[in-house]
Amino acid sequence: MLRAALALVAMLAACSPALPDAQSAGAQVYSVRCSGCHGIYAPGSLTGEMWQVQVERMQREMLRRAVNPLTEQEKYLILTYLKAHASDAAAPVDAGSPARAG
């Protein structure tokens, strides 16, 4: 059973877009929970606020379809991950570049 589940995850990963920080807990939960019903979307395809709305909408859709909704922990991990990589996420600061005085 475990081998079948791992094989399924591997197959789905092969068909999905490469996720940033793919080994993080948020990426893993996002990939597993969301790919069960539809393809996953690149986190940078929406803004953080749009992801918030989309996850809330999907929660309602899961309830409507009698699918176990995300737990609070899953929702937190997914939203934190998606918002960190959203199209409006702050660009990471390059530690090697000099700070600019403002």
PDB file of N, CA and C in Angstrom:
ATOM      1  N   MET A   1       0.823  -1.184   0.000  1.00  0.00           N
ATOM      2  CA  MET A   1       0.000   0.000   0.000  1.00  0.00           C
ATOM      3  C   MET A   1       0.878   1.264   0.000  1.00  0.00           C
ATOM      4  N   LEU A   2       1.887   1.276   0.850  1.00  0.00           N
ATOM      5  CA  LEU A   2       2.785   2.426   0.917  1.00  0.00           C
ATOM      6  C   LEU A   2       3.521   2.612  -0.401  1.00  0.00           C
ATOM      7  N   ARG A   3       3.955   1.512  -0.995  1.00  0.00           N
ATOM      8  CA  ARG A   3       4.648   1.617  -2.284  1.00  0.00           C
ATOM      9  C   ARG A   3       3.741   2.190  -3.361  1.00  0.00           C
ATOM     10  N   ALA A   4       2.480   1.789  -3.343  1.00  0.00           N
ATOM     11  CA  ALA A   4       1.530   2.303  -4.329  1.00  0.00           C
ATOM     12  C   ALA A   4       1.327   3.801  -4.134  1.00  0.00           C
ATOM     13  N   ALA A   5       1.218   4.242  -2.888  1.00  0.00           N
ATOM     14  CA  ALA A   5       1.035   5.667  -2.603  1.00  0.00           C
ATOM     15  C   ALA A   5       2.257   6.460  -3.046  1.00  0.00           C
ATOM     16  N   LEU A   6       3.442   5.955  -2.770  1.00  0.00           N
ATOM     17  CA  LEU A   6       4.666   6.641  -3.179  1.00  0.00           C
ATOM     18  C   LEU A   6       4.790   6.695  -4.696  1.00  0.00           C
ATOM     19  N   ALA A   7       4.396   5.623  -5.359  1.00  0.00           N
ATOM     20  CA  ALA A   7       4.438   5.601  -6.817  1.00  0.00           C
ATOM     21  C   ALA A   7       3.472   6.630  -7.396  1.00  0.00           C
ATOM     22  N   LEU A   8       2.290   6.734  -6.782  1.00  0.00           N
ATOM     23  CA  LEU A   8       1.309   7.712  -7.240  1.00  0.00           C
ATOM     24  C   LEU A   8       1.832   9.135  -7.075  1.00  0.00           C
ATOM     25  N   VAL A   9       2.432   9.417  -5.928  1.00  0.00           N
ATOM     26  CA  VAL A   9       2.992  10.753  -5.691  1.00  0.00           C
ATOM     27  C   VAL A   9       4.092  11.047  -6.706  1.00  0.00           C
ATOM     28  N   ALA A  10       4.933  10.065  -6.991  1.00  0.00           N
ATOM     29  CA  ALA A  10       6.017  10.243  -7.963  1.00  0.00           C
ATOM     30  C   ALA A  10       5.453  10.515  -9.359  1.00  0.00           C
ATOM     31  N   MET A  11       4.392   9.797  -9.739  1.00  0.00           N
ATOM     32  CA  MET A  11       3.783  10.005 -11.053  1.00  0.00           C
ATOM     33  C   MET A  11       3.161  11.398 -11.144  1.00  0.00           C
ATOM     34  N   LEU A  12       2.461  11.808 -10.094  1.00  0.00           N
ATOM     35  CA  LEU A  12       1.845  13.132 -10.091  1.00  0.00           C
ATOM     36  C   LEU A  12       2.899  14.224 -10.143  1.00  0.00           C
ATOM     37  N   ALA A  13       3.989  14.015  -9.433  1.00  0.00           N
ATOM     38  CA  ALA A  13       5.069  15.005  -9.428  1.00  0.00           C
ATOM     39  C   ALA A  13       5.668  15.152 -10.821  1.00  0.00           C
ATOM     40  N   ALA A  14       5.732  14.067 -11.564  1.00  0.00           N
ATOM     41  CA  ALA A  14       6.290  14.116 -12.907  1.00  0.00           C
ATOM     42  C   ALA A  14       5.414  14.937 -13.851  1.00  0.00           C
ATOM     43  N   CYS A  15       4.106  15.004 -13.584  1.00  0.00           N
ATOM     44  CA  CYS A  15       3.176  15.726 -14.442  1.00  0.00           C
ATOM     45  C   CYS A  15       2.935  17.154 -13.979  1.00  0.00           C
ATOM     46  N   SER A  16       3.411  17.509 -12.823  1.00  0.00           N
ATOM     47  CA  SER A  16       3.150  18.817 -12.241  1.00  0.00           C
ATOM     48  C   SER A  16       4.307  19.764 -12.512  1.00  0.00           C
ATOM     49  N   PRO A  17       4.017  21.070 -12.459  1.00  0.00           N
ATOM     50  CA  PRO A  17       5.113  22.028 -12.633  1.00  0.00           C
ATOM     51  C   PRO A  17       6.096  21.908 -11.473  1.00  0.00           C
ATOM     52  N   ALA A  18       7.342  22.226 -11.733  1.00  0.00           N
ATOM     53  CA  ALA A  18       8.341  22.194 -10.667  1.00  0.00           C
ATOM     54  C   ALA A  18       7.985  23.270  -9.654  1.00  0.00           C
ATOM     55  N   LEU A  19       7.913  22.872  -8.404  1.00  0.00           N
ATOM     56  CA  LEU A  19       7.564  23.806  -7.346  1.00  0.00           C
ATOM     57  C   LEU A  19       8.830  24.380  -6.722  1.00  0.00           C
ATOM     58  N   PRO A  20       8.817  25.669  -6.392  1.00  0.00           N
ATOM     59  CA  PRO A  20       9.955  26.220  -5.654  1.00  0.00           C
ATOM     60  C   PRO A  20       9.975  25.626  -4.259  1.00  0.00           C
ATOM     61  N   ASP A  21      11.169  25.407  -3.719  1.00  0.00           N
ATOM     62  CA  ASP A  21      11.312  24.874  -2.367  1.00  0.00           C
ATOM     63  C   ASP A  21      10.483  23.600  -2.207  1.00  0.00           C
ATOM     64  N   ALA A  22      10.597  22.705  -3.187  1.00  0.00           N
ATOM     65  CA  ALA A  22       9.732  21.523  -3.284  1.00  0.00           C
ATOM     66  C   ALA A  22       9.813  20.579  -2.097  1.00  0.00           C
ATOM     67  N   GLN A  23      10.894  20.613  -1.346  1.00  0.00           N
ATOM     68  CA  GLN A  23      11.023  19.701  -0.210  1.00  0.00           C
ATOM     69  C   GLN A  23      10.434  20.264   1.078  1.00  0.00           C
ATOM     70  N   SER A  24       9.953  21.495   1.053  1.00  0.00           N
ATOM     71  CA  SER A  24       9.379  22.087   2.261  1.00  0.00           C
ATOM     72  C   SER A  24       8.056  21.411   2.609  1.00  0.00           C
ATOM     73  N   ALA A  25       7.687  21.513   3.873  1.00  0.00           N
ATOM     74  CA  ALA A  25       6.430  20.909   4.333  1.00  0.00           C
ATOM     75  C   ALA A  25       5.242  21.509   3.582  1.00  0.00           C
ATOM     76  N   GLY A  26       5.254  22.810   3.368  1.00  0.00           N
ATOM     77  CA  GLY A  26       4.153  23.457   2.659  1.00  0.00           C
ATOM     78  C   GLY A  26       4.005  22.957   1.233  1.00  0.00           C
ATOM     79  N   ALA A  27       5.114  22.818   0.530  1.00  0.00           N
ATOM     80  CA  ALA A  27       5.072  22.319  -0.848  1.00  0.00           C
ATOM     81  C   ALA A  27       4.579  20.885  -0.887  1.00  0.00           C
ATOM     82  N   GLN A  28       5.014  20.087   0.066  1.00  0.00           N
ATOM     83  CA  GLN A  28       4.594  18.687   0.111  1.00  0.00           C
ATOM     84  C   GLN A  28       3.089  18.570   0.357  1.00  0.00           C
ATOM     85  N   VAL A  29       2.580  19.317   1.331  1.00  0.00           N
ATOM     86  CA  VAL A  29       1.148  19.264   1.639  1.00  0.00           C
ATOM     87  C   VAL A  29       0.353  19.809   0.458  1.00  0.00           C
ATOM     88  N   TYR A  30       0.797  20.909  -0.113  1.00  0.00           N
ATOM     89  CA  TYR A  30       0.134  21.491  -1.281  1.00  0.00           C
ATOM     90  C   TYR A  30       0.071  20.475  -2.417  1.00  0.00           C
ATOM     91  N   SER A  31       1.179  19.854  -2.697  1.00  0.00           N
ATOM     92  CA  SER A  31       1.239  18.896  -3.789  1.00  0.00           C
ATOM     93  C   SER A  31       0.310  17.705  -3.554  1.00  0.00           C
ATOM     94  N   VAL A  32       0.358  17.137  -2.368  1.00  0.00           N
ATOM     95  CA  VAL A  32      -0.432  15.931  -2.081  1.00  0.00           C
ATOM     96  C   VAL A  32      -1.922  16.247  -1.996  1.00  0.00           C
ATOM     97  N   ARG A  33      -2.286  17.256  -1.233  1.00  0.00           N
ATOM     98  CA  ARG A  33      -3.710  17.517  -1.008  1.00  0.00           C
ATOM     99  C   ARG A  33      -4.407  18.114  -2.224  1.00  0.00           C
ATOM    100  N   CYS A  34      -3.717  18.939  -2.975  1.00  0.00           N
ATOM    101  CA  CYS A  34      -4.379  19.629  -4.076  1.00  0.00           C
ATOM    102  C   CYS A  34      -4.354  18.832  -5.376  1.00  0.00           C
ATOM    103  N   SER A  35      -3.344  18.021  -5.581  1.00  0.00           N
ATOM    104  CA  SER A  35      -3.254  17.268  -6.834  1.00  0.00           C
ATOM    105  C   SER A  35      -4.202  16.075  -6.867  1.00  0.00           C
ATOM    106  N   GLY A  36      -4.841  15.762  -5.749  1.00  0.00           N
ATOM    107  CA  GLY A  36      -5.804  14.668  -5.739  1.00  0.00           C
ATOM    108  C   GLY A  36      -7.044  14.969  -6.566  1.00  0.00           C
ATOM    109  N   CYS A  37      -7.365  16.244  -6.731  1.00  0.00           N
ATOM    110  CA  CYS A  37      -8.572  16.637  -7.464  1.00  0.00           C
ATOM    111  C   CYS A  37      -8.276  17.376  -8.768  1.00  0.00           C
ATOM    112  N   HIS A  38      -7.140  18.036  -8.841  1.00  0.00           N
ATOM    113  CA  HIS A  38      -6.805  18.823 -10.032  1.00  0.00           C
ATOM    114  C   HIS A  38      -5.298  19.017 -10.080  1.00  0.00           C
ATOM    115  N   GLY A  39      -4.821  19.507 -11.191  1.00  0.00           N
ATOM    116  CA  GLY A  39      -3.404  19.813 -11.305  1.00  0.00           C
ATOM    117  C   GLY A  39      -3.035  20.947 -10.369  1.00  0.00           C
ATOM    118  N   ILE A  40      -1.783  20.983  -9.969  1.00  0.00           N
ATOM    119  CA  ILE A  40      -1.359  22.075  -9.098  1.00  0.00           C
ATOM    120  C   ILE A  40      -0.865  23.230  -9.954  1.00  0.00           C
ATOM    121  N   TYR A  41      -0.980  24.420  -9.390  1.00  0.00           N
ATOM    122  CA  TYR A  41      -0.597  25.630 -10.090  1.00  0.00           C
ATOM    123  C   TYR A  41       0.695  26.176  -9.499  1.00  0.00           C
ATOM    124  N   ALA A  42       1.467  26.820 -10.321  1.00  0.00           N
ATOM    125  CA  ALA A  42       2.698  27.443  -9.847  1.00  0.00           C
ATOM    126  C   ALA A  42       2.334  28.504  -8.816  1.00  0.00           C
ATOM    127  N   PRO A  43       2.990  28.511  -7.663  1.00  0.00           N
ATOM    128  CA  PRO A  43       2.677  29.501  -6.630  1.00  0.00           C
ATOM    129  C   PRO A  43       2.773  30.941  -7.130  1.00  0.00           C
ATOM    130  N   GLY A  44       3.661  31.216  -8.066  1.00  0.00           N
ATOM    131  CA  GLY A  44       3.828  32.560  -8.596  1.00  0.00           C
ATOM    132  C   GLY A  44       2.750  32.976  -9.576  1.00  0.00           C
ATOM    133  N   SER A  45       1.778  32.107  -9.830  1.00  0.00           N
ATOM    134  CA  SER A  45       0.724  32.442 -10.780  1.00  0.00           C
ATOM    135  C   SER A  45      -0.343  33.347 -10.179  1.00  0.00           C
ATOM    136  N   LEU A  46      -0.366  33.491  -8.853  1.00  0.00           N
ATOM    137  CA  LEU A  46      -1.338  34.349  -8.177  1.00  0.00           C
ATOM    138  C   LEU A  46      -0.636  35.189  -7.109  1.00  0.00           C
ATOM    139  N   THR A  47      -1.302  36.248  -6.690  1.00  0.00           N
ATOM    140  CA  THR A  47      -0.788  37.040  -5.567  1.00  0.00           C
ATOM    141  C   THR A  47      -1.138  36.321  -4.263  1.00  0.00           C
ATOM    142  N   GLY A  48      -0.538  36.745  -3.180  1.00  0.00           N
ATOM    143  CA  GLY A  48      -0.837  36.159  -1.881  1.00  0.00           C
ATOM    144  C   GLY A  48      -2.307  36.276  -1.517  1.00  0.00           C
ATOM    145  N   GLU A  49      -2.886  37.445  -1.778  1.00  0.00           N
ATOM    146  CA  GLU A  49      -4.310  37.651  -1.474  1.00  0.00           C
ATOM    147  C   GLU A  49      -5.194  36.743  -2.331  1.00  0.00           C
ATOM    148  N   MET A  50      -4.812  36.577  -3.593  1.00  0.00           N
ATOM    149  CA  MET A  50      -5.586  35.696  -4.470  1.00  0.00           C
ATOM    150  C   MET A  50      -5.507  34.250  -4.000  1.00  0.00           C
ATOM    151  N   TRP A  51      -4.336  33.828  -3.504  1.00  0.00           N
ATOM    152  CA  TRP A  51      -4.212  32.474  -2.958  1.00  0.00           C
ATOM    153  C   TRP A  51      -5.116  32.299  -1.744  1.00  0.00           C
ATOM    154  N   GLN A  52      -5.195  33.320  -0.900  1.00  0.00           N
ATOM    155  CA  GLN A  52      -6.063  33.258   0.285  1.00  0.00           C
ATOM    156  C   GLN A  52      -7.508  32.992  -0.149  1.00  0.00           C
ATOM    157  N   VAL A  53      -7.973  33.749  -1.127  1.00  0.00           N
ATOM    158  CA  VAL A  53      -9.341  33.587  -1.630  1.00  0.00           C
ATOM    159  C   VAL A  53      -9.517  32.207  -2.249  1.00  0.00           C
ATOM    160  N   GLN A  54      -8.542  31.781  -3.026  1.00  0.00           N
ATOM    161  CA  GLN A  54      -8.645  30.498  -3.722  1.00  0.00           C
ATOM    162  C   GLN A  54      -8.690  29.332  -2.739  1.00  0.00           C
ATOM    163  N   VAL A  55      -7.869  29.355  -1.713  1.00  0.00           N
ATOM    164  CA  VAL A  55      -7.860  28.260  -0.723  1.00  0.00           C
ATOM    165  C   VAL A  55      -9.190  28.236   0.031  1.00  0.00           C
ATOM    166  N   GLU A  56      -9.712  29.388   0.389  1.00  0.00           N
ATOM    167  CA  GLU A  56     -11.026  29.442   1.058  1.00  0.00           C
ATOM    168  C   GLU A  56     -12.113  28.875   0.144  1.00  0.00           C
ATOM    169  N   ARG A  57     -12.047  29.233  -1.126  1.00  0.00           N
ATOM    170  CA  ARG A  57     -13.026  28.718  -2.094  1.00  0.00           C
ATOM    171  C   ARG A  57     -12.935  27.200  -2.220  1.00  0.00           C
ATOM    172  N   MET A  58     -11.710  26.702  -2.239  1.00  0.00           N
ATOM    173  CA  MET A  58     -11.525  25.250  -2.352  1.00  0.00           C
ATOM    174  C   MET A  58     -11.999  24.526  -1.095  1.00  0.00           C
ATOM    175  N   GLN A  59     -11.848  25.143   0.061  1.00  0.00           N
ATOM    176  CA  GLN A  59     -12.372  24.548   1.298  1.00  0.00           C
ATOM    177  C   GLN A  59     -13.884  24.329   1.157  1.00  0.00           C
ATOM    178  N   ARG A  60     -14.589  25.339   0.683  1.00  0.00           N
ATOM    179  CA  ARG A  60     -16.045  25.219   0.495  1.00  0.00           C
ATOM    180  C   ARG A  60     -16.366  24.144  -0.539  1.00  0.00           C
ATOM    181  N   GLU A  61     -15.580  24.105  -1.606  1.00  0.00           N
ATOM    182  CA  GLU A  61     -15.798  23.108  -2.658  1.00  0.00           C
ATOM    183  C   GLU A  61     -15.568  21.690  -2.133  1.00  0.00           C
ATOM    184  N   MET A  62     -14.563  21.513  -1.301  1.00  0.00           N
ATOM    185  CA  MET A  62     -14.293  20.195  -0.722  1.00  0.00           C
ATOM    186  C   MET A  62     -15.470  19.743   0.145  1.00  0.00           C
ATOM    187  N   LEU A  63     -16.009  20.647   0.939  1.00  0.00           N
ATOM    188  CA  LEU A  63     -17.173  20.316   1.765  1.00  0.00           C
ATOM    189  C   LEU A  63     -18.367  19.969   0.886  1.00  0.00           C
ATOM    190  N   ARG A  64     -18.566  20.740  -0.165  1.00  0.00           N
ATOM    191  CA  ARG A  64     -19.685  20.487  -1.079  1.00  0.00           C
ATOM    192  C   ARG A  64     -19.584  19.106  -1.719  1.00  0.00           C
ATOM    193  N   ARG A  65     -18.361  18.704  -2.020  1.00  0.00           N
ATOM    194  CA  ARG A  65     -18.139  17.407  -2.672  1.00  0.00           C
ATOM    195  C   ARG A  65     -17.913  16.272  -1.680  1.00  0.00           C
ATOM    196  N   ALA A  66     -18.072  16.549  -0.404  1.00  0.00           N
ATOM    197  CA  ALA A  66     -17.892  15.558   0.668  1.00  0.00           C
ATOM    198  C   ALA A  66     -16.456  15.002   0.692  1.00  0.00           C
ATOM    199  N   VAL A  67     -15.495  15.880   0.423  1.00  0.00           N
ATOM    200  CA  VAL A  67     -14.075  15.547   0.508  1.00  0.00           C
ATOM    201  C   VAL A  67     -13.567  16.141   1.815  1.00  0.00           C
ATOM    202  N   ASN A  68     -12.732  15.411   2.521  1.00  0.00           N
ATOM    203  CA  ASN A  68     -12.193  15.944   3.766  1.00  0.00           C
ATOM    204  C   ASN A  68     -11.502  17.278   3.495  1.00  0.00           C
ATOM    205  N   PRO A  69     -11.977  18.348   4.147  1.00  0.00           N
ATOM    206  CA  PRO A  69     -11.333  19.647   3.940  1.00  0.00           C
ATOM    207  C   PRO A  69      -9.960  19.673   4.595  1.00  0.00           C
ATOM    208  N   LEU A  70      -9.204  20.690   4.272  1.00  0.00           N
ATOM    209  CA  LEU A  70      -7.885  20.848   4.878  1.00  0.00           C
ATOM    210  C   LEU A  70      -8.033  21.037   6.379  1.00  0.00           C
ATOM    211  N   THR A  71      -7.107  20.473   7.120  1.00  0.00           N
ATOM    212  CA  THR A  71      -7.059  20.758   8.546  1.00  0.00           C
ATOM    213  C   THR A  71      -6.497  22.167   8.709  1.00  0.00           C
ATOM    214  N   GLU A  72      -6.614  22.713   9.898  1.00  0.00           N
ATOM    215  CA  GLU A  72      -6.055  24.049  10.136  1.00  0.00           C
ATOM    216  C   GLU A  72      -4.546  24.056   9.882  1.00  0.00           C
ATOM    217  N   GLN A  73      -3.854  22.982  10.280  1.00  0.00           N
ATOM    218  CA  GLN A  73      -2.407  22.909  10.061  1.00  0.00           C
ATOM    219  C   GLN A  73      -2.086  22.822   8.576  1.00  0.00           C
ATOM    220  N   GLU A  74      -2.818  21.996   7.828  1.00  0.00           N
ATOM    221  CA  GLU A  74      -2.596  21.896   6.385  1.00  0.00           C
ATOM    222  C   GLU A  74      -2.850  23.242   5.705  1.00  0.00           C
ATOM    223  N   LYS A  75      -3.933  23.887   6.084  1.00  0.00           N
ATOM    224  CA  LYS A  75      -4.272  25.190   5.501  1.00  0.00           C
ATOM    225  C   LYS A  75      -3.172  26.203   5.792  1.00  0.00           C
ATOM    226  N   TYR A  76      -2.686  26.230   7.027  1.00  0.00           N
ATOM    227  CA  TYR A  76      -1.607  27.149   7.401  1.00  0.00           C
ATOM    228  C   TYR A  76      -0.349  26.878   6.574  1.00  0.00           C
ATOM    229  N   LEU A  77       0.050  25.605   6.468  1.00  0.00           N
ATOM    230  CA  LEU A  77       1.258  25.255   5.717  1.00  0.00           C
ATOM    231  C   LEU A  77       1.119  25.628   4.244  1.00  0.00           C
ATOM    232  N   ILE A  78      -0.024  25.320   3.669  1.00  0.00           N
ATOM    233  CA  ILE A  78      -0.237  25.607   2.254  1.00  0.00           C
ATOM    234  C   ILE A  78      -0.234  27.112   1.995  1.00  0.00           C
ATOM    235  N   LEU A  79      -0.996  27.858   2.787  1.00  0.00           N
ATOM    236  CA  LEU A  79      -1.060  29.303   2.564  1.00  0.00           C
ATOM    237  C   LEU A  79       0.277  29.988   2.827  1.00  0.00           C
ATOM    238  N   THR A  80       0.978  29.562   3.858  1.00  0.00           N
ATOM    239  CA  THR A  80       2.294  30.145   4.130  1.00  0.00           C
ATOM    240  C   THR A  80       3.228  29.898   2.954  1.00  0.00           C
ATOM    241  N   TYR A  81       3.195  28.683   2.440  1.00  0.00           N
ATOM    242  CA  TYR A  81       4.038  28.328   1.296  1.00  0.00           C
ATOM    243  C   TYR A  81       3.641  29.138   0.054  1.00  0.00           C
ATOM    244  N   LEU A  82       2.349  29.132  -0.280  1.00  0.00           N
ATOM    245  CA  LEU A  82       1.902  29.816  -1.489  1.00  0.00           C
ATOM    246  C   LEU A  82       2.170  31.319  -1.419  1.00  0.00           C
ATOM    247  N   LYS A  83       1.925  31.920  -0.274  1.00  0.00           N
ATOM    248  CA  LYS A  83       2.158  33.358  -0.129  1.00  0.00           C
ATOM    249  C   LYS A  83       3.647  33.698  -0.206  1.00  0.00           C
ATOM    250  N   ALA A  84       4.492  32.812   0.300  1.00  0.00           N
ATOM    251  CA  ALA A  84       5.942  33.054   0.243  1.00  0.00           C
ATOM    252  C   ALA A  84       6.462  33.031  -1.186  1.00  0.00           C
ATOM    253  N   HIS A  85       5.764  32.316  -2.072  1.00  0.00           N
ATOM    254  CA  HIS A  85       6.209  32.191  -3.460  1.00  0.00           C
ATOM    255  C   HIS A  85       5.234  32.834  -4.443  1.00  0.00           C
ATOM    256  N   ALA A  86       4.289  33.621  -3.935  1.00  0.00           N
ATOM    257  CA  ALA A  86       3.285  34.276  -4.774  1.00  0.00           C
ATOM    258  C   ALA A  86       3.929  35.334  -5.661  1.00  0.00           C
ATOM    259  N   SER A  87       3.180  35.779  -6.649  1.00  0.00           N
ATOM    260  CA  SER A  87       3.723  36.760  -7.596  1.00  0.00           C
ATOM    261  C   SER A  87       4.060  38.088  -6.930  1.00  0.00           C
ATOM    262  N   ASP A  88       3.422  38.388  -5.811  1.00  0.00           N
ATOM    263  CA  ASP A  88       3.722  39.645  -5.122  1.00  0.00           C
ATOM    264  C   ASP A  88       4.591  39.463  -3.882  1.00  0.00           C
ATOM    265  N   ALA A  89       5.172  38.277  -3.726  1.00  0.00           N
ATOM    266  CA  ALA A  89       6.051  38.038  -2.583  1.00  0.00           C
ATOM    267  C   ALA A  89       7.303  38.899  -2.716  1.00  0.00           C
ATOM    268  N   ALA A  90       7.789  39.362  -1.597  1.00  0.00           N
ATOM    269  CA  ALA A  90       9.010  40.181  -1.597  1.00  0.00           C
ATOM    270  C   ALA A  90      10.159  39.345  -2.128  1.00  0.00           C
ATOM    271  N   ALA A  91      10.948  39.944  -2.989  1.00  0.00           N
ATOM    272  CA  ALA A  91      12.117  39.248  -3.518  1.00  0.00           C
ATOM    273  C   ALA A  91      13.099  39.007  -2.382  1.00  0.00           C
ATOM    274  N   PRO A  92      13.717  37.819  -2.346  1.00  0.00           N
ATOM    275  CA  PRO A  92      14.683  37.563  -1.284  1.00  0.00           C
ATOM    276  C   PRO A  92      15.847  38.545  -1.342  1.00  0.00           C
ATOM    277  N   VAL A  93      16.297  38.958  -0.205  1.00  0.00           N
ATOM    278  CA  VAL A  93      17.418  39.892  -0.112  1.00  0.00           C
ATOM    279  C   VAL A  93      18.707  39.121  -0.334  1.00  0.00           C
ATOM    280  N   ASP A  94      19.553  39.640  -1.199  1.00  0.00           N
ATOM    281  CA  ASP A  94      20.848  39.026  -1.462  1.00  0.00           C
ATOM    282  C   ASP A  94      21.804  39.461  -0.364  1.00  0.00           C
ATOM    283  N   ALA A  95      22.227  38.503   0.464  1.00  0.00           N
ATOM    284  CA  ALA A  95      23.091  38.818   1.600  1.00  0.00           C
ATOM    285  C   ALA A  95      24.431  39.380   1.145  1.00  0.00           C
ATOM    286  N   GLY A  96      24.834  39.111  -0.097  1.00  0.00           N
ATOM    287  CA  GLY A  96      26.111  39.576  -0.593  1.00  0.00           C
ATOM    288  C   GLY A  96      26.087  40.991  -1.125  1.00  0.00           C
ATOM    289  N   SER A  97      24.871  41.544  -1.326  1.00  0.00           N
ATOM    290  CA  SER A  97      24.824  42.891  -1.879  1.00  0.00           C
ATOM    291  C   SER A  97      24.824  43.925  -0.758  1.00  0.00           C
ATOM    292  N   PRO A  98      25.411  45.071  -1.031  1.00  0.00           N
ATOM    293  CA  PRO A  98      25.474  46.102   0.014  1.00  0.00           C
ATOM    294  C   PRO A  98      24.084  46.672   0.279  1.00  0.00           C
ATOM    295  N   ALA A  99      23.834  47.024   1.525  1.00  0.00           N
ATOM    296  CA  ALA A  99      22.553  47.636   1.899  1.00  0.00           C
ATOM    297  C   ALA A  99      22.516  49.059   1.353  1.00  0.00           C
ATOM    298  N   ARG A 100      21.348  49.478   0.924  1.00  0.00           N
ATOM    299  CA  ARG A 100      21.215  50.834   0.394  1.00  0.00           C
ATOM    300  C   ARG A 100      20.667  51.732   1.483  1.00  0.00           C
ATOM    301  N   ALA A 101      21.286  52.869   1.615  1.00  0.00           N
ATOM    302  CA  ALA A 101      20.798  53.841   2.595  1.00  0.00           C
ATOM    303  C   ALA A 101      19.592  54.535   2.030  1.00  0.00           C
ATOM    304  N   GLY A 102      18.605  54.781   2.874  1.00  0.00           N
ATOM    305  CA  GLY A 102      17.420  55.397   2.318  1.00  0.00           C
ATOM    306  C   GLY A 102      17.044  56.516   3.130  1.00  0.00           C
TER     307      GLY A 102
END
